[in-house]
Amino acid sequence: MQLDFERLFDALPSPYMVLDAKLNYITVNAEYERVTMRPAGEYPGRFVFEMFPNEGESGRRLRDSFERVLATGQSDSIAYLPYDIPRPPELGGGMERRFWTCHHTPILDDDGVVRFIVQNTVDVTEVVRLTEAATIPFSATAGATRLLERAREVEEQRKALLAESDEFRRLFQQAPGFFAVLSGPEHVFTFANDAYVRLVGGRNVTGRPIREALPDIAGQGFYEMLDEVYTTGRSTGGEAMRVVLQRHPNEAPEEVFLDFSYDAICDRDGDITGVFVQGMDRTEAVRTQQRQRLLLDELNHRVKNTLATVQSIASQTLRSARDLASARSDFEARILALSKAHNLLSAQEWESTRLTEVLASEFSVYDAARISVEGPPVTLTPKASISLALVVHELVTNAAKYGALSEAGGAVRVRWRLEEGDGPLVLEWTERGGPPATAPERRGFGSRMIGAIVAGELGGSFEPAYDPAGFSCRIVVSADAVMKG
């Protein structure tokens, strides 16, 4: 004869109900119908606290018990629970005071995840009423009274222990480092604190095996490390270890760096039951170190380049100077131009400067009414910033000594444009209102330096024009030297 489990469940002498993981009813047995005064057909699919609402302490304790079962995969009991239930209209309506003992058992799937909760309750209302009835002889109720009082004592002790456990849990929950508890060979999450949940992008991992909860870490060695700890009991971990992890829903995984350790959890007999995960998110610290290392490398490179530039300026200035006094003045002015460019870059952490800032720095000592600049926004790379600063300085110096800025009515106009697509930057310098410009008999250091910088450092060309109306030039700068915008 094959055993009919459905009939067996219905015939059990105490009340039973089955809930799913969302605390909705699956089924109840006949005794549960009787004590709750509702037919079985009303239950399937209904939320348990919709059927039996309770906003007070008893409702909170019952909900906490269900949540402990879902979180831990372990059974949970409430020894003594006052819980009113609604009376159906045909029985007068209103609420009826009842007292219960409850036991909650999880039903797990093949992956160790809680799918159902079976509740077995014992209605102890009559025992409570007997103890409250002063006319009942002591001998008739002594056993029931002792049993009830013992249940109350057990429940009070349990509540005290749970309060301590909840306080300890809150400390872990709010800790700045991340913590998680994984149970069984499949590493099912039974606890994950707030920092861990933030680390994994707010995903609900509790009750799920790690391979299902965090599929994005597959192939990075972490599953295997957990398997090793669970099998051998030997702790393992890493410092500033790179992990590619999905930090935000619907976004691509990103790189993070973690300090962490995996430690075996053992029961009283020494058998391994799970793995304790703890650690700190070191991503910002590691990225700061990486940025500092890059900046130091860049600084070393810039210092070498700057020293080479200073050496070249000194050599060429002295070679082409008319006398020692003019050599000193020209050298100091060119070093000052170099210093201004460095200051602009330092203010931007050596990432970039704008062309307008370079021009404004060199024109700052002249009447703004005599200077006209116009062009689209152009951001220069560090290398282009230094190079163009030196070029503009030579042009401004030449205009002040021999060109438009040497006379009261002279003016300088600077226009630039970006060629379409990935084309170069084209800068046009025009002087008007000054003395006529004539081509020099020999190229001075300034002209040679401009030509060498534009061709060698900026990958472009320098085209000077000497006209009776004034000096002008056209400078083309490679697109690789600028960042548009």
Protein backbone atom coordinates (compact mmCIF):
# COMPACT_ATOMS: atom_id res chain seq x y z
CA MET A 1 0.00 0.00 0.00
CA GLN A 2 1.44 3.38 -1.00
CA LEU A 3 1.43 6.01 1.74
CA ASP A 4 -0.76 9.04 0.95
CA PHE A 5 1.23 11.93 2.44
CA GLU A 6 -1.48 14.48 1.70
CA ARG A 7 -4.00 12.51 3.78
CA LEU A 8 -1.38 11.96 6.45
CA PHE A 9 -0.68 15.72 6.65
CA ASP A 10 -4.39 16.44 6.92
CA ALA A 11 -4.82 13.86 9.69
CA LEU A 12 -2.08 15.22 11.98
CA PRO A 13 -3.58 15.98 15.41
CA SER A 14 -1.94 19.41 15.86
CA PRO A 15 -2.18 22.47 13.61
CA TYR A 16 0.25 22.64 10.65
CA MET A 17 0.69 25.19 7.88
CA VAL A 18 3.19 25.54 5.01
CA LEU A 19 4.48 28.94 3.81
CA ASP A 20 6.66 29.81 0.82
CA ALA A 21 9.78 31.99 1.08
CA LYS A 22 7.63 35.13 0.74
CA LEU A 23 5.50 34.01 3.70
CA ASN A 24 2.47 33.22 1.57
CA TYR A 25 0.33 30.21 2.44
CA ILE A 26 0.77 27.00 0.45
CA THR A 27 -1.55 24.77 2.47
CA VAL A 28 -2.92 24.03 5.98
CA ASN A 29 -4.20 20.85 7.62
CA ALA A 30 -7.63 20.17 9.09
CA GLU A 31 -6.63 20.92 12.69
CA TYR A 32 -5.23 24.29 11.60
CA GLU A 33 -8.63 25.04 10.01
CA ARG A 34 -10.38 24.18 13.25
CA VAL A 35 -8.25 26.27 15.63
CA THR A 36 -8.18 29.30 13.32
CA MET A 37 -11.89 28.98 12.49
CA ARG A 38 -11.34 29.40 8.75
CA PRO A 39 -11.79 26.93 5.87
CA ALA A 40 -8.69 25.65 4.03
CA GLY A 41 -9.80 27.27 0.76
CA GLU A 42 -9.17 30.76 2.13
CA TYR A 43 -5.45 30.21 2.69
CA PRO A 44 -3.51 29.35 -0.53
CA GLY A 45 -1.59 32.34 -1.89
CA ARG A 46 -2.51 34.69 0.99
CA PHE A 47 0.18 36.52 3.00
CA VAL A 48 0.29 35.17 6.54
CA PHE A 49 0.19 38.63 8.17
CA GLU A 50 -2.71 39.62 5.95
CA MET A 51 -4.68 36.66 7.27
CA PHE A 52 -3.59 37.24 10.86
CA PRO A 53 -2.36 40.84 11.29
CA ASN A 54 -0.62 41.90 14.48
CA GLU A 55 1.29 45.19 14.72
CA GLY A 56 2.37 44.59 18.30
CA GLU A 57 5.18 42.73 20.02
CA SER A 58 3.73 39.29 19.22
CA GLY A 59 3.55 40.06 15.50
CA ARG A 60 7.15 41.29 15.52
CA ARG A 61 8.37 38.17 17.33
CA LEU A 62 6.59 35.87 14.87
CA ARG A 63 7.98 37.75 11.87
CA ASP A 64 11.51 37.68 13.36
CA SER A 65 11.25 33.92 13.81
CA PHE A 66 10.30 33.42 10.15
CA GLU A 67 13.17 35.68 9.03
CA ARG A 68 15.68 33.75 11.15
CA VAL A 69 14.64 30.53 9.46
CA LEU A 70 14.97 32.11 5.99
CA ALA A 71 18.36 33.65 6.81
CA THR A 72 19.97 30.69 8.57
CA GLY A 73 18.24 27.63 7.13
CA GLN A 74 17.79 26.42 10.73
CA SER A 75 14.63 25.63 12.71
CA ASP A 76 13.33 28.19 15.19
CA SER A 77 10.83 28.01 18.06
CA ILE A 78 8.70 30.35 20.14
CA ALA A 79 7.81 28.68 23.44
CA TYR A 80 5.04 31.08 24.45
CA LEU A 81 3.26 33.51 22.10
CA PRO A 82 0.08 35.47 22.90
CA TYR A 83 -1.51 36.08 19.49
CA ASP A 84 -5.10 37.19 18.88
CA ILE A 85 -6.95 35.78 15.88
CA PRO A 86 -10.06 37.17 14.20
CA ARG A 87 -13.36 35.40 14.76
CA PRO A 88 -15.49 34.88 11.64
CA PRO A 89 -18.72 36.92 11.44
CA GLU A 90 -20.91 33.84 11.96
CA LEU A 91 -19.22 33.35 15.34
CA GLY A 92 -19.70 36.92 16.45
CA GLY A 93 -16.69 38.64 14.83
CA GLY A 94 -14.05 40.56 16.73
CA MET A 95 -10.74 39.20 18.00
CA GLU A 96 -10.18 36.19 20.23
CA ARG A 97 -7.25 36.03 22.65
CA ARG A 98 -5.20 32.87 22.07
CA PHE A 99 -1.86 31.53 23.32
CA TRP A 100 0.49 29.35 21.27
CA THR A 101 3.72 27.43 21.17
CA CYS A 102 5.24 27.55 17.66
CA HIS A 103 7.95 25.58 15.90
CA HIS A 104 9.19 26.58 12.43
CA THR A 105 11.04 24.10 10.22
CA PRO A 106 12.75 25.04 6.92
CA ILE A 107 12.38 22.94 3.77
CA LEU A 108 15.49 23.34 1.59
CA ASP A 109 15.98 22.75 -2.12
CA ASP A 110 18.93 20.88 -3.67
CA ASP A 111 21.10 24.01 -3.42
CA GLY A 112 20.46 24.46 0.30
CA VAL A 113 18.13 27.44 -0.18
CA VAL A 114 15.03 27.76 2.02
CA ARG A 115 11.97 27.33 -0.21
CA PHE A 116 9.25 26.59 2.37
CA ILE A 117 8.60 26.93 6.11
CA VAL A 118 6.47 24.38 7.96
CA GLN A 119 4.85 25.70 11.14
CA ASN A 120 3.60 23.37 13.83
CA THR A 121 1.67 25.11 16.59
CA VAL A 122 0.27 23.96 19.89
CA ASP A 123 -2.71 25.91 21.20
CA VAL A 124 -2.06 26.37 24.96
CA THR A 125 -4.98 28.77 25.48
CA GLU A 126 -6.92 26.36 27.71
CA VAL A 127 -3.90 25.83 29.94
CA VAL A 128 -3.56 29.59 30.38
CA ARG A 129 -7.23 29.95 31.19
CA LEU A 130 -7.03 27.15 33.77
CA THR A 131 -4.19 28.88 35.57
CA GLU A 132 -6.14 32.13 35.58
CA ALA A 133 -9.32 30.51 37.02
CA ALA A 134 -9.18 31.00 40.81
CA THR A 135 -12.06 28.57 41.46
CA ILE A 136 -10.19 25.58 40.01
CA PRO A 137 -8.53 23.42 42.72
CA PHE A 138 -4.75 23.60 42.69
CA SER A 139 -4.37 19.83 42.32
CA ALA A 140 -6.27 19.81 39.05
CA THR A 141 -4.12 22.45 37.45
CA ALA A 142 -0.74 22.04 39.12
CA GLY A 143 0.86 20.15 36.22
CA ALA A 144 -0.53 22.46 33.61
CA THR A 145 0.50 25.49 35.65
CA ARG A 146 4.06 24.28 36.05
CA LEU A 147 4.23 23.48 32.33
CA LEU A 148 2.93 26.91 31.37
CA GLU A 149 5.20 28.75 33.79
CA ARG A 150 8.16 26.75 32.50
CA ALA A 151 7.22 27.69 28.94
CA ARG A 152 7.04 31.33 29.95
CA GLU A 153 10.45 31.14 31.67
CA VAL A 154 11.99 29.45 28.64
CA GLU A 155 10.55 32.09 26.34
CA GLU A 156 11.80 34.94 28.55
CA GLN A 157 15.28 33.42 28.58
CA ARG A 158 15.10 32.97 24.83
CA LYS A 159 14.04 36.59 24.36
CA ALA A 160 16.99 37.77 26.47
CA LEU A 161 19.41 35.65 24.47
CA LEU A 162 17.91 36.84 21.20
CA ALA A 163 18.21 40.45 22.36
CA GLU A 164 21.92 39.93 23.04
CA SER A 165 22.28 38.09 19.74
CA ASP A 166 20.46 40.88 17.86
CA GLU A 167 22.71 43.52 19.44
CA PHE A 168 25.81 41.55 18.45
CA ARG A 169 24.35 41.08 14.97
CA ARG A 170 23.73 44.83 14.65
CA LEU A 171 27.37 45.52 15.47
CA PHE A 172 28.43 43.23 12.63
CA GLN A 173 25.69 44.64 10.38
CA GLN A 174 26.95 48.21 10.71
CA ALA A 175 30.70 47.47 10.83
CA PRO A 176 32.81 49.43 8.30
CA GLY A 177 34.51 46.25 7.07
CA PHE A 178 32.54 43.66 5.12
CA PHE A 179 31.46 40.35 6.69
CA ALA A 180 29.59 37.31 5.42
CA VAL A 181 28.87 33.81 6.67
CA LEU A 182 28.69 30.97 4.13
CA SER A 183 27.27 27.57 5.09
CA GLY A 184 27.80 24.10 3.64
CA PRO A 185 29.85 22.88 0.69
CA GLU A 186 27.83 25.10 -1.70
CA HIS A 187 28.72 28.18 0.38
CA VAL A 188 25.17 29.39 0.95
CA PHE A 189 24.96 32.93 2.36
CA THR A 190 23.39 32.91 5.82
CA PHE A 191 24.55 36.41 6.75
CA ALA A 192 25.95 39.45 4.92
CA ASN A 193 26.41 42.83 6.59
CA ASP A 194 25.63 46.24 5.08
CA ALA A 195 29.19 46.79 3.83
CA TYR A 196 29.15 43.44 2.00
CA VAL A 197 25.79 44.22 0.39
CA ARG A 198 27.11 47.61 -0.78
CA LEU A 199 30.22 45.90 -2.16
CA VAL A 200 28.15 43.58 -4.37
CA GLY A 201 25.82 46.28 -5.63
CA GLY A 202 22.91 45.83 -3.24
CA ARG A 203 22.19 42.27 -4.34
CA ASN A 204 20.10 40.08 -2.01
CA VAL A 205 22.52 37.22 -1.44
CA THR A 206 21.08 35.71 1.76
CA GLY A 207 19.92 32.12 1.29
CA ARG A 208 21.69 31.71 -2.07
CA PRO A 209 24.85 29.72 -2.94
CA ILE A 210 27.77 31.97 -3.87
CA ARG A 211 27.98 30.64 -7.44
CA GLU A 212 24.36 31.69 -7.96
CA ALA A 213 24.51 34.92 -5.96
CA LEU A 214 27.79 36.20 -7.46
CA PRO A 215 28.23 34.67 -10.92
CA ASP A 216 30.40 37.61 -12.03
CA ILE A 217 33.39 36.40 -9.96
CA ALA A 218 33.57 33.07 -11.81
CA GLY A 219 37.00 32.30 -13.22
CA GLN A 220 38.81 34.57 -10.73
CA GLY A 221 39.74 31.81 -8.28
CA PHE A 222 37.47 32.74 -5.38
CA TYR A 223 35.12 29.76 -5.61
CA GLU A 224 38.14 27.48 -5.54
CA MET A 225 39.64 29.27 -2.53
CA LEU A 226 36.38 28.80 -0.61
CA ASP A 227 36.26 25.11 -1.58
CA GLU A 228 39.82 24.69 -0.29
CA VAL A 229 39.04 26.34 3.06
CA TYR A 230 35.88 24.26 3.50
CA THR A 231 37.75 21.05 2.67
CA THR A 232 41.01 21.58 4.59
CA GLY A 233 40.14 24.12 7.29
CA ARG A 234 43.18 26.22 6.37
CA SER A 235 42.59 29.98 6.30
CA THR A 236 43.46 31.97 3.21
CA GLY A 237 43.11 35.52 1.91
CA GLY A 238 44.77 38.36 0.06
CA GLU A 239 45.84 42.00 0.26
CA ALA A 240 44.76 44.60 -2.28
CA MET A 241 43.64 41.71 -4.50
CA ARG A 242 42.04 42.68 -7.79
CA VAL A 243 38.44 41.56 -8.28
CA VAL A 244 36.18 42.27 -11.25
CA LEU A 245 32.76 42.70 -9.67
CA GLN A 246 29.38 44.08 -10.70
CA ARG A 247 28.97 47.01 -8.30
CA HIS A 248 25.84 48.52 -9.84
CA PRO A 249 22.76 46.86 -11.40
CA ASN A 250 22.55 46.89 -15.21
CA GLU A 251 26.12 48.16 -15.52
CA ALA A 252 29.30 46.45 -16.64
CA PRO A 253 31.51 44.83 -13.98
CA GLU A 254 34.25 47.04 -12.63
CA GLU A 255 37.65 46.60 -11.03
CA VAL A 256 37.91 46.71 -7.22
CA PHE A 257 40.73 45.89 -4.80
CA LEU A 258 40.08 44.04 -1.57
CA ASP A 259 41.87 42.93 1.58
CA PHE A 260 40.08 39.77 2.73
CA SER A 261 40.37 36.47 4.57
CA TYR A 262 38.44 33.20 4.44
CA ASP A 263 38.31 31.23 7.73
CA ALA A 264 36.65 27.89 8.44
CA ILE A 265 33.66 27.75 10.82
CA CYS A 266 33.53 24.58 12.95
CA ASP A 267 30.83 23.10 15.18
CA ARG A 268 31.40 21.78 18.72
CA ASP A 269 32.67 18.47 17.35
CA GLY A 270 35.27 20.23 15.18
CA ASP A 271 33.49 19.51 11.90
CA ILE A 272 33.62 22.30 9.32
CA THR A 273 30.16 23.76 8.68
CA GLY A 274 30.97 26.89 6.70
CA VAL A 275 33.32 29.76 5.91
CA PHE A 276 33.58 33.17 7.56
CA VAL A 277 34.40 35.99 5.11
CA GLN A 278 35.79 39.31 6.27
CA GLY A 279 37.69 42.17 4.69
CA MET A 280 38.00 45.82 3.66
CA ASP A 281 37.41 47.58 0.35
CA ARG A 282 40.81 49.07 -0.56
CA THR A 283 39.83 50.31 -4.02
CA GLU A 284 40.23 54.03 -3.37
CA ALA A 285 43.53 53.58 -1.51
CA VAL A 286 44.95 51.41 -4.31
CA ARG A 287 43.82 53.84 -7.00
CA THR A 288 45.34 56.72 -5.04
CA GLN A 289 48.64 54.84 -4.88
CA GLN A 290 48.44 54.15 -8.61
CA ARG A 291 47.78 57.83 -9.34
CA GLN A 292 50.66 58.87 -7.09
CA ARG A 293 52.97 56.44 -8.86
CA LEU A 294 51.91 57.77 -12.26
CA LEU A 295 52.30 61.36 -11.09
CA LEU A 296 55.77 60.60 -9.71
CA ASP A 297 56.79 58.98 -12.99
CA GLU A 298 55.35 61.94 -14.88
CA LEU A 299 57.14 64.38 -12.57
CA ASN A 300 60.46 62.63 -13.11
CA HIS A 301 59.88 62.78 -16.86
CA ARG A 302 58.89 66.46 -16.73
CA VAL A 303 61.88 67.40 -14.60
CA LYS A 304 64.25 65.79 -17.10
CA ASN A 305 62.52 67.54 -19.99
CA THR A 306 62.51 70.86 -18.16
CA LEU A 307 66.21 70.62 -17.38
CA ALA A 308 66.89 69.87 -21.04
CA THR A 309 64.76 72.86 -22.05
CA VAL A 310 66.55 75.16 -19.59
CA GLN A 311 69.92 73.93 -20.87
CA SER A 312 68.88 74.61 -24.47
CA ILE A 313 67.50 78.07 -23.62
CA ALA A 314 70.70 78.99 -21.78
CA SER A 315 72.95 77.74 -24.55
CA GLN A 316 71.05 79.41 -27.39
CA THR A 317 70.49 82.67 -25.49
CA LEU A 318 74.17 83.09 -24.70
CA ARG A 319 75.18 82.13 -28.24
CA SER A 320 72.97 84.73 -29.93
CA ALA A 321 73.06 87.55 -27.33
CA ARG A 322 74.59 90.93 -28.20
CA ASP A 323 76.09 91.35 -24.72
CA LEU A 324 76.00 89.80 -21.25
CA ALA A 325 73.29 92.16 -19.95
CA SER A 326 70.87 91.37 -22.76
CA ALA A 327 71.67 87.65 -22.43
CA ARG A 328 70.77 87.76 -18.76
CA SER A 329 67.52 89.66 -19.41
CA ASP A 330 66.44 87.36 -22.25
CA PHE A 331 67.32 84.23 -20.27
CA GLU A 332 65.37 85.37 -17.18
CA ALA A 333 62.33 86.26 -19.30
CA ARG A 334 62.31 82.87 -21.00
CA ILE A 335 62.73 81.02 -17.70
CA LEU A 336 59.84 83.09 -16.29
CA ALA A 337 57.65 82.02 -19.25
CA LEU A 338 58.56 78.43 -18.55
CA SER A 339 57.70 78.93 -14.86
CA LYS A 340 54.28 80.40 -15.70
CA ALA A 341 53.44 77.39 -17.84
CA HIS A 342 54.47 75.08 -15.00
CA ASN A 343 52.26 77.01 -12.59
CA LEU A 344 49.26 76.61 -14.89
CA LEU A 345 49.86 72.88 -15.12
CA SER A 346 50.43 72.50 -11.38
CA ALA A 347 47.05 74.11 -10.72
CA GLN A 348 45.50 71.37 -12.90
CA GLU A 349 47.62 68.55 -11.36
CA TRP A 350 49.62 68.32 -14.59
CA GLU A 351 46.66 67.04 -16.56
CA SER A 352 45.94 69.89 -19.00
CA THR A 353 45.56 73.66 -19.53
CA ARG A 354 43.37 75.74 -21.78
CA LEU A 355 44.85 77.73 -24.67
CA THR A 356 43.14 80.87 -23.38
CA GLU A 357 44.93 80.47 -20.05
CA VAL A 358 48.33 80.24 -21.73
CA LEU A 359 47.61 83.40 -23.77
CA ALA A 360 46.22 85.30 -20.78
CA SER A 361 49.35 84.50 -18.75
CA GLU A 362 51.69 85.96 -21.39
CA PHE A 363 49.50 89.01 -22.18
CA SER A 364 48.78 89.81 -18.52
CA VAL A 365 51.13 92.85 -18.32
CA TYR A 366 49.68 94.54 -21.41
CA ASP A 367 46.58 96.69 -21.87
CA ALA A 368 43.67 94.33 -22.56
CA ALA A 369 42.24 96.84 -25.07
CA ARG A 370 45.26 96.19 -27.31
CA ILE A 371 44.85 92.42 -27.26
CA SER A 372 42.19 90.42 -29.10
CA VAL A 373 41.85 86.64 -28.79
CA GLU A 374 39.12 84.52 -30.35
CA GLY A 375 38.58 80.81 -31.00
CA PRO A 376 36.76 77.67 -29.84
CA PRO A 377 37.57 75.99 -26.50
CA VAL A 378 40.86 74.11 -26.78
CA THR A 379 42.46 72.06 -24.00
CA LEU A 380 46.18 71.44 -24.32
CA THR A 381 48.12 68.40 -23.20
CA PRO A 382 50.89 69.05 -20.63
CA LYS A 383 53.57 68.80 -23.32
CA ALA A 384 51.70 71.20 -25.65
CA SER A 385 51.09 73.61 -22.75
CA ILE A 386 54.83 74.02 -22.07
CA SER A 387 55.71 74.25 -25.74
CA LEU A 388 53.04 76.78 -26.71
CA ALA A 389 53.82 78.88 -23.62
CA LEU A 390 57.42 79.25 -24.84
CA VAL A 391 56.27 80.00 -28.41
CA VAL A 392 53.77 82.65 -27.28
CA HIS A 393 56.37 84.18 -24.98
CA GLU A 394 58.79 84.64 -27.90
CA LEU A 395 56.04 86.18 -30.04
CA VAL A 396 54.95 88.56 -27.26
CA THR A 397 58.58 89.53 -26.52
CA ASN A 398 59.23 90.22 -30.20
CA ALA A 399 56.04 92.31 -30.44
CA ALA A 400 57.05 94.32 -27.35
CA LYS A 401 60.61 94.97 -28.63
CA TYR A 402 60.12 95.42 -32.36
CA GLY A 403 56.46 95.01 -33.27
CA ALA A 404 52.95 96.27 -32.54
CA LEU A 405 53.33 96.39 -28.74
CA SER A 406 56.40 98.65 -29.03
CA GLU A 407 54.22 101.63 -30.03
CA ALA A 408 51.21 103.14 -28.28
CA GLY A 409 48.71 102.52 -31.09
CA GLY A 410 49.71 98.95 -31.87
CA ALA A 411 47.55 95.86 -31.22
CA VAL A 412 47.83 92.10 -31.46
CA ARG A 413 45.05 89.79 -32.67
CA VAL A 414 45.16 86.03 -32.11
CA ARG A 415 42.66 83.75 -33.88
CA TRP A 416 42.56 79.98 -33.91
CA ARG A 417 40.38 77.22 -35.23
CA LEU A 418 40.17 73.46 -35.18
CA GLU A 419 40.06 71.78 -38.55
CA GLU A 420 37.10 69.47 -39.07
CA GLY A 421 37.25 65.87 -37.90
CA ASP A 422 40.55 65.05 -36.26
CA GLY A 423 42.34 67.90 -37.97
CA PRO A 424 45.06 70.09 -36.42
CA LEU A 425 44.84 73.32 -34.46
CA VAL A 426 45.57 76.37 -36.65
CA LEU A 427 46.62 79.56 -34.83
CA GLU A 428 47.03 82.93 -36.64
CA TRP A 429 48.98 85.77 -35.04
CA THR A 430 48.51 89.27 -36.52
CA GLU A 431 50.14 92.55 -35.44
CA ARG A 432 48.82 95.94 -36.63
CA GLY A 433 49.49 99.59 -35.79
CA GLY A 434 53.18 99.13 -35.15
CA PRO A 435 56.29 99.67 -37.27
CA PRO A 436 56.56 97.92 -40.63
CA ALA A 437 57.92 94.36 -40.41
CA THR A 438 60.96 93.40 -42.41
CA ALA A 439 62.58 90.03 -42.70
CA PRO A 440 65.74 89.82 -40.55
CA GLU A 441 69.13 89.36 -42.17
CA ARG A 442 69.75 86.38 -39.94
CA ARG A 443 67.41 84.22 -37.84
CA GLY A 444 67.70 84.98 -34.15
CA PHE A 445 67.34 82.55 -31.32
CA GLY A 446 63.63 83.37 -30.89
CA SER A 447 62.76 82.45 -34.47
CA ARG A 448 64.90 79.33 -34.39
CA MET A 449 63.39 78.24 -31.09
CA ILE A 450 59.80 78.78 -32.31
CA GLY A 451 60.48 76.76 -35.46
CA ALA A 452 62.19 73.96 -33.52
CA ILE A 453 59.43 73.74 -30.85
CA VAL A 454 56.54 73.79 -33.34
CA ALA A 455 58.14 71.18 -35.59
CA GLY A 456 59.71 68.97 -32.91
CA GLU A 457 57.38 69.25 -29.89
CA LEU A 458 54.04 70.11 -31.50
CA GLY A 459 54.36 68.12 -34.73
CA GLY A 460 53.34 71.10 -36.86
CA SER A 461 54.69 74.05 -38.84
CA PHE A 462 55.58 77.74 -38.36
CA GLU A 463 55.03 80.18 -41.23
CA PRO A 464 56.14 83.80 -40.47
CA ALA A 465 55.13 86.73 -42.74
CA TYR A 466 56.83 90.15 -42.75
CA ASP A 467 54.56 92.89 -44.12
CA PRO A 468 54.67 96.70 -44.07
CA ALA A 469 51.41 96.59 -42.09
CA GLY A 470 53.03 94.45 -39.39
CA PHE A 471 54.30 91.02 -38.51
CA SER A 472 52.05 87.93 -38.73
CA CYS A 473 52.47 84.19 -38.62
CA ARG A 474 50.54 80.99 -38.99
CA ILE A 475 51.19 78.12 -36.56
CA VAL A 476 49.81 74.64 -37.20
CA VAL A 477 49.74 72.24 -34.22
CA SER A 478 49.23 68.50 -34.61
CA ALA A 479 45.89 67.14 -33.40
CA ASP A 480 47.82 64.77 -31.10
CA ALA A 481 49.01 67.76 -29.08
CA VAL A 482 45.56 69.05 -28.14
CA MET A 483 42.35 67.81 -26.54
CA LYS A 484 39.38 69.53 -28.13
CA GLY A 485 36.75 71.01 -25.87
